[in-house]
Amino acid sequence: MLITDWWLSPELYLLRPPAAHQDSRLVDLLGKIANRGVKVFVAVYREVALALTINSKHTEEALLNASSNIKIVRHPHRSLRGGQFLWSHHEKIVCIDGHTAFLGGLDL
């Protein structure tokens, strides 16, 4: 499974109401399928902390703690000496397998 996202919230409940579906958090679902052997790869936007509070470091830590079968990349790596300083990856992609994928404008 491949997920790219600008802002991925591990605590997002996928079923409503949350009180009736405590096990439907995104981090729980991804951890469960990863522990069954599915390799989960996630690329999230590494925010400019002064401008945004989306906390991709929290996303990284939560997903890595959910399963050793989850790999995450926070991108881009910035440098004041050049490189990509003003950059965003705003595409959203969830690719479940080699045949099923979702593209859209909603952040997880």
C-alpha atoms as a PDB file:
ATOM      1  CA  MET A   1       0.000   0.000   0.000  1.00  0.00           C
ATOM      2  CA  LEU A   2       1.291   3.462  -0.891  1.00  0.00           C
ATOM      3  CA  ILE A   3      -0.081   6.689   0.595  1.00  0.00           C
ATOM      4  CA  THR A   4       1.086  10.205  -0.233  1.00  0.00           C
ATOM      5  CA  ASP A   5      -0.448  13.092   1.647  1.00  0.00           C
ATOM      6  CA  TRP A   6       0.080  16.692   2.572  1.00  0.00           C
ATOM      7  CA  TRP A   7      -1.392  16.219   6.048  1.00  0.00           C
ATOM      8  CA  LEU A   8      -2.143  12.754   7.414  1.00  0.00           C
ATOM      9  CA  SER A   9      -3.737  12.615  10.862  1.00  0.00           C
ATOM     10  CA  PRO A  10      -3.199   9.200  12.514  1.00  0.00           C
ATOM     11  CA  GLU A  11      -6.077   9.888  14.914  1.00  0.00           C
ATOM     12  CA  LEU A  12      -8.661  10.325  12.140  1.00  0.00           C
ATOM     13  CA  TYR A  13     -11.706   8.114  12.755  1.00  0.00           C
ATOM     14  CA  LEU A  14     -12.826   6.464   9.529  1.00  0.00           C
ATOM     15  CA  LEU A  15     -16.262   5.494  10.882  1.00  0.00           C
ATOM     16  CA  ARG A  16     -18.797   7.734  12.592  1.00  0.00           C
ATOM     17  CA  PRO A  17     -19.733   8.270  15.341  1.00  0.00           C
ATOM     18  CA  PRO A  18     -16.239   7.784  16.840  1.00  0.00           C
ATOM     19  CA  ALA A  19     -17.623   6.704  20.230  1.00  0.00           C
ATOM     20  CA  ALA A  20     -19.218   3.666  18.580  1.00  0.00           C
ATOM     21  CA  HIS A  21     -16.158   2.841  16.452  1.00  0.00           C
ATOM     22  CA  GLN A  22     -13.116   3.265  18.699  1.00  0.00           C
ATOM     23  CA  ASP A  23     -11.045   0.871  16.579  1.00  0.00           C
ATOM     24  CA  SER A  24     -11.574   2.798  13.327  1.00  0.00           C
ATOM     25  CA  ARG A  25      -8.699   5.268  13.717  1.00  0.00           C
ATOM     26  CA  LEU A  26      -6.454   5.446  10.673  1.00  0.00           C
ATOM     27  CA  VAL A  27      -3.341   4.481  12.668  1.00  0.00           C
ATOM     28  CA  ASP A  28      -5.118   1.395  14.045  1.00  0.00           C
ATOM     29  CA  LEU A  29      -6.300   0.280  10.612  1.00  0.00           C
ATOM     30  CA  LEU A  30      -2.878   0.778   8.999  1.00  0.00           C
ATOM     31  CA  GLY A  31      -1.173  -1.003  11.918  1.00  0.00           C
ATOM     32  CA  LYS A  32      -3.586  -3.926  11.670  1.00  0.00           C
ATOM     33  CA  ILE A  33      -3.097  -4.495   7.961  1.00  0.00           C
ATOM     34  CA  ALA A  34       0.674  -3.961   8.239  1.00  0.00           C
ATOM     35  CA  ASN A  35       0.865  -6.574  10.999  1.00  0.00           C
ATOM     36  CA  ARG A  36      -0.914  -8.998   8.654  1.00  0.00           C
ATOM     37  CA  GLY A  37       2.010  -8.651   6.234  1.00  0.00           C
ATOM     38  CA  VAL A  38       0.957  -5.773   3.991  1.00  0.00           C
ATOM     39  CA  LYS A  39       3.841  -3.382   3.397  1.00  0.00           C
ATOM     40  CA  VAL A  40       2.629   0.175   3.984  1.00  0.00           C
ATOM     41  CA  PHE A  41       4.641   3.072   2.545  1.00  0.00           C
ATOM     42  CA  VAL A  42       3.692   6.648   3.449  1.00  0.00           C
ATOM     43  CA  ALA A  43       5.125   9.927   2.116  1.00  0.00           C
ATOM     44  CA  VAL A  44       3.975  13.056   3.945  1.00  0.00           C
ATOM     45  CA  TYR A  45       4.868  16.715   3.557  1.00  0.00           C
ATOM     46  CA  ARG A  46       7.553  17.945   5.967  1.00  0.00           C
ATOM     47  CA  GLU A  47       6.020  21.263   6.938  1.00  0.00           C
ATOM     48  CA  VAL A  48       7.739  24.556   7.630  1.00  0.00           C
ATOM     49  CA  ALA A  49       7.073  24.625  11.383  1.00  0.00           C
ATOM     50  CA  LEU A  50       6.908  28.425  11.573  1.00  0.00           C
ATOM     51  CA  ALA A  51       4.075  28.490   9.048  1.00  0.00           C
ATOM     52  CA  LEU A  52       2.132  25.269   9.657  1.00  0.00           C
ATOM     53  CA  THR A  53       1.173  23.188  12.670  1.00  0.00           C
ATOM     54  CA  ILE A  54       0.404  19.894  10.896  1.00  0.00           C
ATOM     55  CA  ASN A  55       3.202  18.114  12.830  1.00  0.00           C
ATOM     56  CA  SER A  56       4.408  15.496  10.378  1.00  0.00           C
ATOM     57  CA  LYS A  57       6.882  14.282  13.027  1.00  0.00           C
ATOM     58  CA  HIS A  58       3.902  13.172  15.168  1.00  0.00           C
ATOM     59  CA  THR A  59       2.445  11.392  12.130  1.00  0.00           C
ATOM     60  CA  GLU A  60       5.761   9.632  11.529  1.00  0.00           C
ATOM     61  CA  GLU A  61       6.126   8.503  15.146  1.00  0.00           C
ATOM     62  CA  ALA A  62       2.524   7.290  15.459  1.00  0.00           C
ATOM     63  CA  LEU A  63       2.701   5.223  12.266  1.00  0.00           C
ATOM     64  CA  LEU A  64       6.135   3.772  13.031  1.00  0.00           C
ATOM     65  CA  ASN A  65       4.887   2.740  16.491  1.00  0.00           C
ATOM     66  CA  ALA A  66       1.873   0.994  14.940  1.00  0.00           C
ATOM     67  CA  SER A  67       3.929  -1.600  13.025  1.00  0.00           C
ATOM     68  CA  SER A  68       7.443  -2.342  11.851  1.00  0.00           C
ATOM     69  CA  ASN A  69       5.896  -3.028   8.424  1.00  0.00           C
ATOM     70  CA  ILE A  70       5.089   0.679   7.985  1.00  0.00           C
ATOM     71  CA  LYS A  71       7.730   2.862   6.335  1.00  0.00           C
ATOM     72  CA  ILE A  72       7.369   6.641   6.277  1.00  0.00           C
ATOM     73  CA  VAL A  73       9.197   9.466   4.539  1.00  0.00           C
ATOM     74  CA  ARG A  74       8.771  13.111   5.453  1.00  0.00           C
ATOM     75  CA  HIS A  75       9.725  15.192   2.427  1.00  0.00           C
ATOM     76  CA  PRO A  76      11.390  17.504   1.500  1.00  0.00           C
ATOM     77  CA  HIS A  77      14.547  17.858   3.551  1.00  0.00           C
ATOM     78  CA  ARG A  78      15.225  21.584   3.605  1.00  0.00           C
ATOM     79  CA  SER A  79      18.438  23.523   3.820  1.00  0.00           C
ATOM     80  CA  LEU A  80      19.003  27.235   4.231  1.00  0.00           C
ATOM     81  CA  ARG A  81      21.945  26.928   1.819  1.00  0.00           C
ATOM     82  CA  GLY A  82      19.707  26.134  -1.101  1.00  0.00           C
ATOM     83  CA  GLY A  83      17.756  23.168  -2.273  1.00  0.00           C
ATOM     84  CA  GLN A  84      13.992  23.046  -2.106  1.00  0.00           C
ATOM     85  CA  PHE A  85      12.915  25.570   0.488  1.00  0.00           C
ATOM     86  CA  LEU A  86       9.462  26.640  -0.759  1.00  0.00           C
ATOM     87  CA  TRP A  87       7.946  23.353  -1.853  1.00  0.00           C
ATOM     88  CA  SER A  88       4.805  21.324  -1.257  1.00  0.00           C
ATOM     89  CA  HIS A  89       3.563  17.958  -2.369  1.00  0.00           C
ATOM     90  CA  HIS A  90      -0.147  18.505  -2.364  1.00  0.00           C
ATOM     91  CA  GLU A  91      -1.220  15.408  -4.248  1.00  0.00           C
ATOM     92  CA  LYS A  92      -3.142  12.751  -2.373  1.00  0.00           C
ATOM     93  CA  ILE A  93      -2.774   9.136  -3.456  1.00  0.00           C
ATOM     94  CA  VAL A  94      -3.766   5.868  -1.813  1.00  0.00           C
ATOM     95  CA  CYS A  95      -2.677   2.826  -3.829  1.00  0.00           C
ATOM     96  CA  ILE A  96      -4.014  -0.368  -2.276  1.00  0.00           C
ATOM     97  CA  ASP A  97      -2.480  -2.878  -4.651  1.00  0.00           C
ATOM     98  CA  GLY A  98      -1.319  -3.010  -8.224  1.00  0.00           C
ATOM     99  CA  HIS A  99      -4.889  -2.587  -9.475  1.00  0.00           C
ATOM    100  CA  THR A 100      -6.771  -0.318  -7.049  1.00  0.00           C
ATOM    101  CA  ALA A 101      -5.857   3.292  -6.323  1.00  0.00           C
ATOM    102  CA  PHE A 102      -7.618   6.441  -5.217  1.00  0.00           C
ATOM    103  CA  LEU A 103      -6.605   9.973  -6.198  1.00  0.00           C
ATOM    104  CA  GLY A 104      -8.262  13.015  -4.765  1.00  0.00           C
ATOM    105  CA  GLY A 105      -8.185  16.255  -2.884  1.00  0.00           C
ATOM    106  CA  LEU A 106      -8.903  15.106   0.667  1.00  0.00           C
ATOM    107  CA  ASP A 107      -6.159  14.775   3.224  1.00  0.00           C
ATOM    108  CA  LEU A 108      -6.323  11.742   5.494  1.00  0.00           C
END
